[in-house]
Amino acid sequence: MITSDVFTNLPGADPVECYTELDASDYRGIVNTTISGETCQKWTVQTPHPHTRTPSNFPDTGLGNHNYCRNPDAEIQTWCYTANPAIRWEICHVGYPLESCGI
């Protein structure tokens, strides 16, 4: 793993994107597209994909009135429901975990 000092010195790096857990369950950044480029559906919206992964059902997991990638349910990586009716959900790439975020 790289340290937060290295992370914050990378061109274009944003400390808000930092996380430390291997499954990214502590990711609170603003990536809102999947690995194939699909736009994420807001966690508070039930269309096009009805779901139970809501802020009230999964408190303290970073879900909210936004469409940022999260891992509220212990999947292998962050993911989101997509805004595409043909693709229910997909994994997101949010970078790699660090030893410390220094925040």
Protein backbone atom coordinates (compact mmCIF):
# COMPACT_ATOMS: atom_id res chain seq x y z
CA MET A 1 0.00 0.00 0.00
CA ILE A 2 1.05 3.57 -0.51
CA THR A 3 0.91 6.21 2.20
CA SER A 4 -1.34 9.24 2.27
CA ASP A 5 1.67 11.56 1.72
CA VAL A 6 2.35 9.82 -1.58
CA PHE A 7 -1.37 9.80 -2.41
CA THR A 8 -1.83 13.52 -1.86
CA ASN A 9 1.23 14.29 -3.97
CA LEU A 10 0.01 12.40 -7.01
CA PRO A 11 -1.12 14.63 -9.87
CA GLY A 12 -4.89 15.01 -9.67
CA ALA A 13 -5.15 13.07 -6.40
CA ASP A 14 -7.96 14.11 -4.09
CA PRO A 15 -7.77 13.26 -0.37
CA VAL A 16 -11.58 12.91 -0.23
CA GLU A 17 -11.16 9.78 -2.39
CA CYS A 18 -8.95 8.11 0.23
CA TYR A 19 -10.04 4.93 2.01
CA THR A 20 -8.25 2.22 3.99
CA GLU A 21 -10.43 -0.92 4.00
CA LEU A 22 -9.66 -3.57 1.37
CA ASP A 23 -13.36 -3.87 0.46
CA ALA A 24 -13.69 -0.05 0.31
CA SER A 25 -16.50 -0.14 2.88
CA ASP A 26 -15.11 3.13 4.26
CA TYR A 27 -15.02 4.86 0.86
CA ARG A 28 -16.84 8.21 1.00
CA GLY A 29 -15.63 9.74 -2.25
CA ILE A 30 -17.58 11.04 -5.21
CA VAL A 31 -17.06 8.49 -8.00
CA ASN A 32 -20.51 7.95 -9.53
CA THR A 33 -19.84 5.77 -12.57
CA THR A 34 -19.29 2.03 -12.85
CA ILE A 35 -16.33 0.19 -14.37
CA SER A 36 -18.12 0.16 -17.73
CA GLY A 37 -19.04 3.86 -17.54
CA GLU A 38 -22.67 3.53 -16.45
CA THR A 39 -24.03 6.38 -14.33
CA CYS A 40 -25.11 5.34 -10.85
CA GLN A 41 -28.70 5.59 -9.62
CA LYS A 42 -29.27 7.63 -6.45
CA TRP A 43 -29.49 5.44 -3.33
CA THR A 44 -32.71 7.23 -2.32
CA VAL A 45 -34.45 6.55 -5.63
CA GLN A 46 -36.33 3.35 -6.50
CA THR A 47 -36.23 3.68 -10.27
CA PRO A 48 -35.19 2.22 -12.59
CA HIS A 49 -34.18 -0.40 -9.99
CA PRO A 50 -36.24 -0.95 -6.82
CA HIS A 51 -33.98 -2.02 -3.95
CA THR A 52 -33.55 -2.31 -0.18
CA ARG A 53 -30.07 -0.73 0.04
CA THR A 54 -31.40 2.55 1.43
CA PRO A 55 -29.87 4.95 3.96
CA SER A 56 -32.44 3.90 6.57
CA ASN A 57 -31.80 0.17 6.03
CA PHE A 58 -28.00 0.58 5.93
CA PRO A 59 -27.16 3.47 8.27
CA ASP A 60 -23.58 4.66 8.70
CA THR A 61 -22.48 3.16 5.38
CA GLY A 62 -22.26 6.38 3.39
CA LEU A 63 -25.57 6.00 1.58
CA GLY A 64 -27.60 9.16 1.09
CA ASN A 65 -29.35 11.39 -1.40
CA HIS A 66 -26.56 10.95 -3.95
CA ASN A 67 -25.41 8.49 -6.59
CA TYR A 68 -21.84 7.88 -5.37
CA CYS A 69 -20.38 4.38 -5.37
CA ARG A 70 -20.50 2.66 -1.97
CA ASN A 71 -20.19 -0.77 -0.39
CA PRO A 72 -22.98 -0.90 2.19
CA ASP A 73 -23.34 -4.68 2.30
CA ALA A 74 -19.84 -6.21 2.38
CA GLU A 75 -19.43 -6.91 -1.32
CA ILE A 76 -15.86 -7.28 -2.59
CA GLN A 77 -15.68 -3.63 -3.77
CA THR A 78 -17.77 -0.49 -4.13
CA TRP A 79 -20.74 -0.74 -6.45
CA CYS A 80 -23.99 0.99 -7.33
CA TYR A 81 -27.33 0.42 -8.96
CA THR A 82 -27.15 1.88 -12.44
CA ALA A 83 -29.42 4.43 -14.07
CA ASN A 84 -29.59 2.06 -17.06
CA PRO A 85 -32.78 -0.06 -16.87
CA ALA A 86 -30.95 -2.93 -18.59
CA ILE A 87 -28.13 -3.18 -15.99
CA ARG A 88 -29.26 -3.53 -12.35
CA TRP A 89 -25.91 -2.97 -10.62
CA GLU A 90 -22.21 -2.94 -11.32
CA ILE A 91 -18.86 -2.65 -9.55
CA CYS A 92 -17.11 0.73 -9.42
CA HIS A 93 -13.39 1.40 -9.50
CA VAL A 94 -12.50 3.94 -6.82
CA GLY A 95 -8.75 3.52 -6.70
CA TYR A 96 -6.84 1.53 -4.12
CA PRO A 97 -6.80 1.50 -0.32
CA LEU A 98 -4.10 3.31 1.59
CA GLU A 99 -2.52 2.54 4.96
CA SER A 100 -3.67 5.90 6.27
CA CYS A 101 -5.59 8.81 4.86
CA GLY A 102 -4.11 11.41 7.17
CA ILE A 103 -7.43 13.19 7.43
